């Protein structure tokens, strides 16, 4: 392995270091990266903390093994405890979702837009919501019933223009789910989505009300911890809180350390979909237009080299 880019700014964070190794494998001419090289680099900077560095690198190895185990064929890499390699350099079939989330998480929305200039933050956020909609639908589907889903987050670019306003979108949503009510609220004309980015529901074969709903909020930026309660705003505009079978969910393109996992168990946050879970439930996504951007992103990262 040739280290192509600098170590991440948060050098002692196992999640960031695991991401860094994955990015290096994508940039490396041999399509690989090594925890041994990571250990050597860290020891240069922290020569007085050998034991701590060894322990940290062991944690990074465990993190990579965990990712590989959790998502199997949706994970683009193979890892033997030391060497991380791209599984198939010619095809990322079933793995585009993971790569998409990895790039967003590693680069960041703003730097990807302003410094590297590899995407538009609005387009990337919209695409992440689209993938999250696929995830929500797949998660709720079962052998007997295919769930339905809707990408609700503003600006609803793929909706007809006359349906893009928040109030009209709520009315369309009610007609689709045939349950609950739009609340009369004079502020609805000024709102965009009130924290609701994704909704999925599983209908019973009898078509009657009282079914299973998943309401989801998406957060693509690294400030996702500040947005976990935004969906509470929806209380003012729709009667979901009075309906049975409602599950709240939170979608992020980042991996979450197991020590932080418990922090997401808020009543109105509900099920957390991190990068691994999203990659698992949206493995069939074919990469869309983002697929053609991957070579350019890799080229820009090689040239940029600086820590992110």
Protein backbone atom coordinates (compact mmCIF):
# COMPACT_ATOMS: atom_id res chain seq x y z
CA UNK A 1 0.00 0.00 0.00
CA UNK A 2 1.08 3.53 -0.79
CA UNK A 3 -0.54 6.06 1.52
CA UNK A 4 -2.23 8.44 -0.89
CA UNK A 5 -3.84 10.91 1.50
CA UNK A 6 -3.05 12.29 4.93
CA UNK A 7 -4.44 10.73 8.07
CA UNK A 8 -7.85 12.12 9.05
CA UNK A 9 -7.95 15.12 11.36
CA UNK A 10 -9.56 12.99 14.07
CA UNK A 11 -6.59 10.62 14.24
CA UNK A 12 -7.70 8.69 17.30
CA UNK A 13 -11.23 7.87 16.15
CA UNK A 14 -11.56 4.25 15.00
CA UNK A 15 -14.55 5.03 12.74
CA UNK A 16 -12.67 7.79 10.92
CA UNK A 17 -9.55 5.63 10.62
CA UNK A 18 -11.54 2.72 9.20
CA UNK A 19 -13.09 5.09 6.64
CA UNK A 20 -9.61 6.41 5.82
CA UNK A 21 -8.35 2.87 5.13
CA UNK A 22 -11.32 2.22 2.84
CA UNK A 23 -10.71 5.46 0.93
CA UNK A 24 -7.00 4.63 0.60
CA UNK A 25 -7.86 1.23 -0.84
CA UNK A 26 -10.01 2.97 -3.47
CA UNK A 27 -7.20 5.38 -4.35
CA UNK A 28 -4.24 2.95 -4.19
CA UNK A 29 -2.83 1.53 -7.42
CA UNK A 30 -2.95 -1.97 -5.92
CA UNK A 31 -6.48 -1.37 -4.60
CA UNK A 32 -5.50 -2.14 -1.02
CA UNK A 33 -4.62 -0.61 2.32
CA UNK A 34 -3.08 -2.02 5.48
CA UNK A 35 -3.58 -1.63 9.23
CA UNK A 36 0.17 -2.22 9.61
CA UNK A 37 0.89 0.94 7.61
CA UNK A 38 -1.69 2.76 9.70
CA UNK A 39 0.06 1.62 12.87
CA UNK A 40 3.43 2.84 11.55
CA UNK A 41 2.03 6.27 10.64
CA UNK A 42 0.36 6.73 14.00
CA UNK A 43 3.49 5.72 15.89
CA UNK A 44 5.45 8.41 14.08
CA UNK A 45 3.06 11.06 15.43
CA UNK A 46 2.48 9.47 18.83
CA UNK A 47 5.84 7.88 19.58
CA UNK A 48 5.19 7.94 23.31
CA UNK A 49 1.85 6.09 23.06
CA UNK A 50 2.75 2.74 21.52
CA UNK A 51 0.36 0.72 23.65
CA UNK A 52 -2.51 3.07 22.94
CA UNK A 53 -1.81 2.99 19.19
CA UNK A 54 -1.70 -0.82 19.14
CA UNK A 55 -5.02 -0.93 20.96
CA UNK A 56 -6.55 1.63 18.61
CA UNK A 57 -5.44 -0.25 15.50
CA UNK A 58 -6.90 -3.44 16.94
CA UNK A 59 -10.19 -1.56 17.34
CA UNK A 60 -9.96 -0.35 13.72
CA UNK A 61 -9.46 -3.95 12.56
CA UNK A 62 -12.49 -5.03 14.59
CA UNK A 63 -14.53 -2.22 13.05
CA UNK A 64 -13.64 -3.29 9.49
CA UNK A 65 -14.38 -6.94 10.25
CA UNK A 66 -17.72 -5.88 11.71
CA UNK A 67 -18.64 -3.93 8.58
CA UNK A 68 -17.74 -6.88 6.37
CA UNK A 69 -19.83 -9.23 8.54
CA UNK A 70 -22.86 -6.93 8.78
CA UNK A 71 -23.39 -6.31 5.07
CA UNK A 72 -21.60 -9.18 3.33
CA UNK A 73 -21.80 -8.79 -0.47
CA UNK A 74 -22.89 -5.13 -0.17
CA UNK A 75 -19.45 -4.35 1.29
CA UNK A 76 -16.95 -3.40 -1.47
CA UNK A 77 -13.89 -4.73 0.37
CA UNK A 78 -12.41 -7.93 1.73
CA UNK A 79 -10.43 -7.82 4.95
CA UNK A 80 -8.28 -10.49 6.62
CA UNK A 81 -7.54 -8.57 9.82
CA UNK A 82 -4.60 -6.68 8.32
CA UNK A 83 -5.04 -6.13 4.59
CA UNK A 84 -8.10 -4.39 3.14
CA UNK A 85 -8.66 -4.98 -0.58
CA UNK A 86 -11.31 -4.05 -3.12
CA UNK A 87 -13.27 -7.20 -3.93
CA UNK A 88 -13.82 -6.49 -7.62
CA UNK A 89 -12.07 -3.60 -9.34
CA UNK A 90 -14.23 -3.93 -12.45
CA UNK A 91 -17.65 -3.90 -10.85
CA UNK A 92 -19.23 -2.55 -7.70
CA UNK A 93 -22.52 -4.37 -8.21
CA UNK A 94 -24.62 -4.26 -5.02
CA UNK A 95 -22.00 -1.95 -3.47
CA UNK A 96 -22.78 1.51 -4.88
CA UNK A 97 -24.88 2.45 -1.87
CA UNK A 98 -22.01 1.79 0.52
CA UNK A 99 -19.54 3.74 -1.65
CA UNK A 100 -21.95 6.65 -1.98
CA UNK A 101 -22.37 6.89 1.79
CA UNK A 102 -18.64 6.45 2.40
CA UNK A 103 -17.74 9.35 0.10
CA UNK A 104 -20.33 11.64 1.67
CA UNK A 105 -19.21 10.76 5.19
CA UNK A 106 -15.50 11.05 4.46
CA UNK A 107 -15.51 14.17 2.28
CA UNK A 108 -18.43 16.08 3.79
CA UNK A 109 -21.16 17.98 1.95
CA UNK A 110 -19.51 21.41 2.04
CA UNK A 111 -15.99 20.32 1.09
CA UNK A 112 -17.36 18.15 -1.69
CA UNK A 113 -19.19 21.17 -3.06
CA UNK A 114 -16.77 24.04 -2.44
CA UNK A 115 -13.22 22.60 -2.25
CA UNK A 116 -13.21 19.39 -4.25
CA UNK A 117 -16.15 20.49 -6.44
CA UNK A 118 -17.27 16.94 -7.07
CA UNK A 119 -20.99 17.41 -6.37
CA UNK A 120 -23.77 19.80 -5.43
CA UNK A 121 -24.80 19.48 -1.78
CA UNK A 122 -28.47 19.87 -2.74
CA UNK A 123 -28.26 17.08 -5.33
CA UNK A 124 -26.39 14.78 -2.96
CA UNK A 125 -28.88 15.35 -0.13
CA UNK A 126 -31.75 14.67 -2.51
CA UNK A 127 -30.10 11.46 -3.73
CA UNK A 128 -29.50 10.30 -0.17
CA UNK A 129 -33.20 10.79 0.57
CA UNK A 130 -34.03 8.77 -2.53
CA UNK A 131 -31.82 5.89 -1.37
CA UNK A 132 -33.28 6.13 2.13
CA UNK A 133 -36.74 5.78 0.58
CA UNK A 134 -35.62 2.52 -1.05
CA UNK A 135 -34.26 1.34 2.30
CA UNK A 136 -37.49 2.15 4.14
CA UNK A 137 -39.60 0.34 1.56
CA UNK A 138 -37.38 -2.74 1.53
CA UNK A 139 -37.23 -2.82 5.31
CA UNK A 140 -41.02 -2.85 5.69
CA UNK A 141 -41.71 -5.28 2.84
CA UNK A 142 -42.31 -8.93 3.58
CA UNK A 143 -42.93 -12.11 1.60
CA UNK A 144 -46.67 -11.54 1.50
CA UNK A 145 -46.82 -7.76 1.01
CA UNK A 146 -44.62 -5.24 -0.78
CA UNK A 147 -44.46 -2.00 1.16
CA UNK A 148 -44.93 1.40 -0.49
CA UNK A 149 -42.78 4.47 0.06
CA UNK A 150 -42.55 8.15 -0.78
CA UNK A 151 -39.64 10.60 -0.82
CA UNK A 152 -41.26 13.53 0.95
CA UNK A 153 -38.32 15.82 1.82
CA UNK A 154 -38.23 19.30 0.27
CA UNK A 155 -37.78 20.48 -2.43
CA UNK A 156 -39.58 17.36 -3.87
CA UNK A 157 -37.94 18.03 -7.24
CA UNK A 158 -39.45 14.98 -8.92
CA UNK A 159 -43.00 15.85 -7.89
CA UNK A 160 -45.29 17.81 -10.21
CA UNK A 161 -44.81 21.54 -9.63
CA UNK A 162 -48.35 22.06 -8.36
CA UNK A 163 -47.77 19.38 -5.70
CA UNK A 164 -44.48 20.69 -4.31
CA UNK A 165 -45.85 23.00 -1.61
CA UNK A 166 -45.85 21.51 1.89
CA UNK A 167 -49.62 21.77 2.38
CA UNK A 168 -50.41 20.20 -0.99
CA UNK A 169 -47.83 17.48 -0.40
CA UNK A 170 -49.54 16.58 2.90
CA UNK A 171 -52.88 16.32 1.11
CA UNK A 172 -51.37 14.01 -1.51
CA UNK A 173 -49.77 11.96 1.24
CA UNK A 174 -53.15 11.56 2.97
CA UNK A 175 -54.72 10.36 -0.29
CA UNK A 176 -51.97 7.76 -0.69
CA UNK A 177 -51.94 6.34 2.84
CA UNK A 178 -55.68 6.78 3.43
CA UNK A 179 -55.13 7.32 7.13
CA UNK A 180 -54.77 10.21 9.54
CA UNK A 181 -55.55 13.85 8.88
CA UNK A 182 -53.86 17.03 7.72
CA UNK A 183 -54.11 19.56 10.54
CA UNK A 184 -55.21 23.12 9.90
CA UNK A 185 -52.19 25.29 10.61
CA UNK A 186 -51.63 28.76 9.10
CA UNK A 187 -47.84 28.28 9.20
CA UNK A 188 -47.94 25.34 6.76
CA UNK A 189 -47.50 27.71 3.81
CA UNK A 190 -44.07 28.63 5.18
CA UNK A 191 -42.84 25.10 5.89
CA UNK A 192 -40.86 22.77 3.63
CA UNK A 193 -41.17 19.27 5.10
CA UNK A 194 -41.24 19.65 8.93
CA UNK A 195 -38.49 17.06 9.27
CA UNK A 196 -40.25 14.32 7.27
CA UNK A 197 -37.96 13.18 4.45
CA UNK A 198 -39.11 9.59 3.93
CA UNK A 199 -42.33 7.72 4.60
CA UNK A 200 -43.00 4.04 3.98
CA UNK A 201 -46.03 1.95 4.84
CA UNK A 202 -47.10 -1.69 4.71
CA UNK A 203 -50.72 -2.15 3.73
CA UNK A 204 -52.82 -5.11 4.82
CA UNK A 205 -54.39 -7.17 2.04
CA UNK A 206 -57.82 -6.05 3.31
CA UNK A 207 -56.95 -2.41 2.51
CA UNK A 208 -58.34 -1.10 5.79
CA UNK A 209 -56.80 1.52 8.06
CA UNK A 210 -54.52 0.74 11.01
CA UNK A 211 -51.32 -0.32 9.31
CA UNK A 212 -47.58 -0.04 9.76
CA UNK A 213 -45.82 3.27 9.01
CA UNK A 214 -42.17 4.25 9.04
CA UNK A 215 -41.50 8.00 9.22
CA UNK A 216 -37.91 8.90 8.44
CA UNK A 217 -35.63 11.88 8.74
CA UNK A 218 -32.37 12.08 6.76
CA UNK A 219 -29.18 13.87 7.78
CA UNK A 220 -26.29 13.77 5.32
CA UNK A 221 -23.94 16.23 7.04
CA UNK A 222 -21.53 15.54 9.90
CA UNK A 223 -23.74 17.61 12.21
CA UNK A 224 -26.37 14.85 12.25
CA UNK A 225 -26.44 14.67 16.05
CA UNK A 226 -28.05 18.12 16.13
CA UNK A 227 -30.96 17.08 13.89
CA UNK A 228 -32.36 14.06 15.65
CA UNK A 229 -35.55 15.71 16.89
CA UNK A 230 -36.50 17.79 13.81
CA UNK A 231 -39.33 15.43 12.89
CA UNK A 232 -41.19 16.53 16.04
CA UNK A 233 -42.25 19.62 14.05
CA UNK A 234 -44.54 17.37 12.04
CA UNK A 235 -46.87 17.10 15.06
CA UNK A 236 -48.32 20.49 14.14
CA UNK A 237 -49.31 19.45 10.63
CA UNK A 238 -50.36 15.80 10.55
CA UNK A 239 -52.00 13.43 13.02
CA UNK A 240 -49.36 10.69 12.92
CA UNK A 241 -48.93 10.87 16.70
CA UNK A 242 -52.59 9.79 17.12
CA UNK A 243 -52.23 6.78 14.82
CA UNK A 244 -51.17 3.22 15.74
CA UNK A 245 -48.31 1.45 14.01
CA UNK A 246 -46.02 4.47 13.59
CA UNK A 247 -42.25 3.88 13.74
CA UNK A 248 -39.78 6.75 13.63
CA UNK A 249 -36.42 6.37 11.91
CA UNK A 250 -33.24 8.30 11.24
CA UNK A 251 -31.04 7.84 8.16
CA UNK A 252 -27.37 8.87 8.04
CA UNK A 253 -24.53 7.94 5.63
CA UNK A 254 -22.10 7.60 8.54
CA UNK A 255 -21.03 4.64 10.64
CA UNK A 256 -21.84 4.98 14.33
CA UNK A 257 -19.56 3.69 17.06
CA UNK A 258 -21.22 1.06 19.25
CA UNK A 259 -20.52 3.26 22.28
CA UNK A 260 -22.63 6.02 20.71
CA UNK A 261 -25.43 3.74 19.55
CA UNK A 262 -27.45 4.06 22.74
CA UNK A 263 -27.61 7.83 22.30
CA UNK A 264 -30.02 7.37 19.40
CA UNK A 265 -32.69 5.56 21.41
CA UNK A 266 -34.96 8.57 21.68
CA UNK A 267 -38.73 7.96 21.37
CA UNK A 268 -39.03 10.23 18.34
CA UNK A 269 -35.82 9.10 16.65
CA UNK A 270 -36.67 5.42 16.65
CA UNK A 271 -34.77 3.05 14.37
CA UNK A 272 -31.30 4.21 13.34
CA UNK A 273 -30.20 3.40 9.79
CA UNK A 274 -26.46 4.03 9.58
CA UNK A 275 -24.22 3.38 6.57
CA UNK A 276 -24.06 -0.39 7.01
CA UNK A 277 -27.81 -0.79 7.41
CA UNK A 278 -28.51 1.46 4.44
CA UNK A 279 -26.01 -0.45 2.27
CA UNK A 280 -27.65 -3.74 3.28
CA UNK A 281 -31.23 -2.65 2.53
CA UNK A 282 -30.45 -0.78 -0.70
CA UNK A 283 -27.89 -3.10 -2.24
CA UNK A 284 -29.89 -3.30 -5.48
CA UNK A 285 -29.36 0.43 -6.20
CA UNK A 286 -27.36 0.58 -9.43
CA UNK A 287 -25.49 3.80 -8.67
CA UNK A 288 -27.57 5.95 -11.03
CA UNK A 289 -25.82 9.11 -12.17
CA UNK A 290 -23.48 8.93 -9.17
CA UNK A 291 -21.74 5.90 -10.68
CA UNK A 292 -20.20 8.06 -13.41
CA UNK A 293 -18.88 10.49 -10.77
CA UNK A 294 -16.78 7.93 -8.89
CA UNK A 295 -13.64 8.11 -11.11
CA UNK A 296 -13.68 11.92 -10.89
CA UNK A 297 -14.05 11.86 -7.09
CA UNK A 298 -11.13 9.44 -6.79
CA UNK A 299 -9.00 11.61 -9.08
CA UNK A 300 -9.79 14.76 -7.07
CA UNK A 301 -8.99 13.03 -3.77
CA UNK A 302 -5.62 11.83 -5.10
CA UNK A 303 -4.78 15.37 -6.12
CA UNK A 304 -6.14 16.96 -2.93
CA UNK A 305 -4.21 14.60 -0.56
CA UNK A 306 -4.90 16.73 2.51
CA UNK A 307 -6.68 15.38 5.56
CA UNK A 308 -10.47 15.63 5.64
